[in-house]
Protein backbone atom coordinates (compact mmCIF):
# COMPACT_ATOMS: atom_id res chain seq x y z
CA MET A 1 -6.40 10.28 42.22
CA PRO A 2 -7.49 11.97 38.99
CA PRO A 3 -10.77 10.82 37.28
CA ARG A 4 -10.24 8.32 34.49
CA ALA A 5 -12.20 7.97 31.31
CA PRO A 6 -14.53 5.04 31.07
CA PHE A 7 -12.85 1.92 29.95
CA ARG A 8 -13.43 1.04 26.30
CA ASP A 9 -12.34 -2.33 24.82
CA SER A 10 -10.09 -2.40 21.68
CA SER A 11 -12.95 -3.15 19.34
CA THR A 12 -14.65 0.12 20.44
CA TRP A 13 -11.51 2.16 19.90
CA ALA A 14 -10.81 0.46 16.47
CA SER A 15 -14.40 1.21 15.46
CA LEU A 16 -14.07 4.85 16.38
CA VAL A 17 -10.76 5.22 14.54
CA TRP A 18 -12.36 3.80 11.26
CA GLU A 19 -15.30 6.05 11.75
CA LEU A 20 -13.05 9.11 12.11
CA ASP A 21 -10.84 8.06 9.20
CA ASP A 22 -14.02 7.31 6.98
CA LEU A 23 -15.50 10.69 8.05
CA GLN A 24 -12.33 12.57 6.91
CA TYR A 25 -12.35 10.76 3.54
CA ALA A 26 -16.09 11.40 3.10
CA THR A 27 -15.87 15.06 3.82
CA GLY A 28 -12.46 15.62 2.20
CA GLN A 29 -11.41 17.48 5.27
CA GLY A 30 -9.47 16.88 8.50
CA PRO A 31 -5.82 16.52 9.73
CA ARG A 32 -5.47 13.10 8.01
CA ILE A 33 -6.45 14.49 4.61
CA GLU A 34 -4.20 17.65 5.02
CA SER A 35 -1.28 15.46 5.96
CA LEU A 36 -1.81 13.21 2.90
CA ARG A 37 -1.95 16.23 0.68
CA GLY A 38 1.49 17.26 1.61
CA ASP A 39 1.70 18.76 5.11
CA SER A 40 4.03 16.50 7.09
CA LEU A 41 2.48 17.18 10.46
CA ILE A 42 -0.99 18.36 11.45
CA VAL A 43 -1.79 19.08 15.09
CA LEU A 44 -5.38 19.55 16.05
CA GLU A 45 -6.00 20.66 19.66
CA HIS A 46 -9.28 21.73 21.24
CA ALA A 47 -11.28 20.20 18.36
CA ALA A 48 -14.58 21.70 19.64
CA LYS A 49 -13.21 25.16 19.18
CA ASP A 50 -11.22 24.67 15.96
CA ALA A 51 -12.74 26.04 12.73
CA ARG A 52 -10.40 24.74 10.04
CA TRP A 53 -12.56 21.71 8.89
CA PRO A 54 -16.25 22.71 9.16
CA ASP A 55 -17.57 19.50 7.51
CA TYR A 56 -15.43 17.07 9.57
CA LEU A 57 -15.02 18.58 13.07
CA PRO A 58 -18.57 18.97 14.29
CA LYS A 59 -19.27 15.27 13.48
CA ALA A 60 -15.97 14.17 14.94
CA VAL A 61 -16.54 16.10 18.08
CA GLU A 62 -19.96 14.41 18.34
CA ARG A 63 -18.29 11.06 18.35
CA GLY A 64 -15.97 12.19 21.14
CA LEU A 65 -12.83 13.56 19.42
CA ARG A 66 -10.93 16.15 21.45
CA SER A 67 -7.63 16.30 19.77
CA GLN A 68 -5.77 14.66 16.86
CA LEU A 69 -2.35 14.21 15.38
CA ALA A 70 -1.64 13.28 11.78
CA VAL A 71 1.82 12.48 10.47
CA ARG A 72 2.46 11.94 6.73
CA LEU A 73 4.73 8.98 5.93
CA TYR A 74 6.61 9.95 2.78
CA GLU A 75 9.82 9.23 0.99
CA GLU A 76 11.05 12.10 -1.00
CA ASP A 77 7.85 13.44 -2.47
CA GLU A 78 5.97 10.13 -2.50
CA THR A 79 3.26 9.74 0.14
CA MET A 80 3.30 6.22 1.54
CA GLY A 81 0.56 6.61 4.09
CA GLY A 82 -0.18 8.33 7.29
CA LEU A 83 -0.02 7.89 11.07
CA ASN A 84 -3.16 9.21 12.86
CA LEU A 85 -3.61 9.47 16.49
CA TYR A 86 -6.88 10.46 18.02
CA SER A 87 -7.71 11.56 21.67
CA THR A 88 -11.10 11.38 23.30
CA GLU A 89 -9.56 12.33 26.77
CA SER A 90 -7.37 15.35 26.27
CA ASP A 91 -7.91 18.65 24.40
CA THR A 92 -4.14 19.04 23.94
CA ILE A 93 -1.32 16.85 22.71
CA ASP A 94 1.90 16.54 24.65
CA PRO A 95 4.89 17.84 22.68
CA GLY A 96 6.61 14.69 23.60
CA ALA A 97 3.97 12.68 21.91
CA VAL A 98 4.47 14.79 18.75
CA HIS A 99 8.11 14.07 18.78
CA LEU A 100 7.53 10.24 19.39
CA ALA A 101 4.90 10.21 16.45
CA GLU A 102 7.40 11.82 14.21
CA LEU A 103 10.11 9.39 15.19
CA PHE A 104 7.77 6.41 14.73
CA ALA A 105 6.71 7.83 11.42
CA THR A 106 10.28 7.96 10.27
CA HIS A 107 10.85 4.37 11.18
CA ALA A 108 7.60 3.26 9.59
CA THR A 109 8.53 5.10 6.41
CA ILE A 110 11.82 3.28 6.30
CA ALA A 111 10.20 -0.19 6.82
CA LEU A 112 7.52 0.67 4.24
CA GLY A 113 10.18 1.71 1.73
CA ARG A 114 12.18 -1.52 2.31
CA ALA A 115 8.94 -3.60 2.00
CA ARG A 116 8.20 -1.85 -1.33
CA GLN A 117 11.71 -2.38 -2.57
CA GLU A 118 11.47 -6.15 -1.68
CA ASP A 119 8.08 -6.38 -3.42
CA ARG A 120 9.68 -4.78 -6.61
CA LEU A 121 12.68 -7.05 -6.45
CA ASN A 122 10.42 -10.15 -6.00
CA GLU A 123 8.33 -8.99 -8.87
CA ALA A 124 11.42 -8.51 -11.00
CA LEU A 125 12.68 -11.97 -10.21
CA THR A 126 9.34 -13.52 -11.07
CA THR A 127 9.15 -11.55 -14.25
CA ARG A 128 12.70 -12.66 -15.29
CA LYS A 129 11.91 -16.24 -14.51
CA VAL A 130 8.72 -16.19 -16.70
CA ILE A 131 10.49 -14.46 -19.49
CA GLY A 132 13.33 -16.93 -19.33
CA GLN A 133 10.96 -19.86 -19.43
CA ALA A 134 9.08 -18.34 -22.43
CA ILE A 135 12.33 -17.73 -24.20
CA GLY A 136 13.32 -21.43 -23.59
CA ILE A 137 10.00 -22.69 -24.82
CA ILE A 138 10.08 -20.57 -27.97
CA ALA A 139 13.73 -21.43 -28.77
CA GLU A 140 13.07 -25.10 -28.35
CA ARG A 141 9.83 -25.15 -30.28
CA TYR A 142 11.14 -23.06 -33.37
CA LYS A 143 14.73 -24.25 -33.10
CA ILE A 144 16.14 -20.75 -32.71
CA THR A 145 18.58 -19.03 -30.52
CA ASP A 146 17.60 -17.55 -27.11
CA ASP A 147 18.35 -14.03 -28.59
CA ARG A 148 16.00 -14.52 -31.47
CA ALA A 149 13.36 -15.98 -29.05
CA PHE A 150 13.65 -12.96 -26.95
CA HIS A 151 13.27 -10.61 -29.94
CA PHE A 152 10.16 -12.68 -30.92
CA LEU A 153 8.64 -11.95 -27.57
CA VAL A 154 9.48 -8.33 -27.76
CA ARG A 155 7.95 -7.97 -31.23
CA ALA A 156 4.85 -9.91 -30.04
CA SER A 157 4.57 -7.51 -27.03
CA THR A 158 5.01 -4.28 -29.19
CA THR A 159 2.70 -5.28 -31.91
CA SER A 160 -0.08 -6.49 -29.58
CA ASN A 161 0.46 -3.63 -26.96
CA ILE A 162 0.59 -6.33 -24.25
CA ARG A 163 3.23 -6.24 -21.62
CA LEU A 164 6.23 -8.48 -22.25
CA ARG A 165 5.72 -10.36 -19.02
CA ASP A 166 2.09 -11.11 -19.87
CA ILE A 167 3.03 -12.43 -23.29
CA ALA A 168 5.70 -14.57 -21.62
CA GLN A 169 3.18 -15.78 -19.12
CA GLU A 170 0.80 -16.83 -21.79
CA VAL A 171 3.49 -18.75 -23.61
CA VAL A 172 4.48 -20.54 -20.43
CA ASP A 173 0.83 -21.26 -19.45
CA THR A 174 0.01 -22.63 -22.92
CA ALA A 175 3.15 -24.91 -22.82
CA ASN A 176 2.19 -26.06 -19.27
CA ALA A 177 -1.27 -26.80 -20.37
CA GLN A 178 -0.04 -28.81 -23.44
CA TYR A 179 2.53 -30.62 -21.43
CA GLY A 180 -0.07 -31.53 -18.76
CA GLU A 181 -2.41 -32.89 -21.49
CA SER A 182 0.20 -34.89 -23.21
CA SER A 183 2.02 -36.15 -20.14
CA GLY A 184 -1.16 -37.43 -18.67
CA SER A 185 -1.53 -39.87 -21.47
CA GLN A 186 2.14 -41.09 -21.51
CA GLY A 187 2.72 -41.53 -17.75
CA SER A 188 4.58 -39.32 -15.28
CA ALA A 189 7.54 -37.05 -15.97
CA PRO A 190 11.07 -38.23 -15.09
């Protein structure tokens, strides 16, 4: 039976991963940094013998790094993150592991892209709702059409150099505060 590396609990591994990530950011070097700069795949084998990152590798090897794989997660030209795999047991990376990492990175990129799209859609819906509420408040308060109320908001946004959504939110917050104060003295709302 081949000898096995000593057992490490997950908190030890997590700590080492964070250390190696932080070390790459601190030195501005390493596979992770190279992949985030645009190389889609970086394979580091025989870390103790590699000379590509002189500020990163000696310190990483001291911590037990023997090989590393970094895969950039990107959509078109936008970097969304990175997948980083570290080994303290093997000087080489199995080609099958490289293929699996690339496959996983592709799926992770799709999931991240969809999550970002969902966030943008939710933000758009929230923004639309707030702007619609502000239009209604202004139209009612000044007895004007919705179209004129919208143009009023746009003009206020343009002249104050504040985003339309923020102006609308201020209108809604002010109305809610006024309603809350006045409704408290007259009883509850219907």
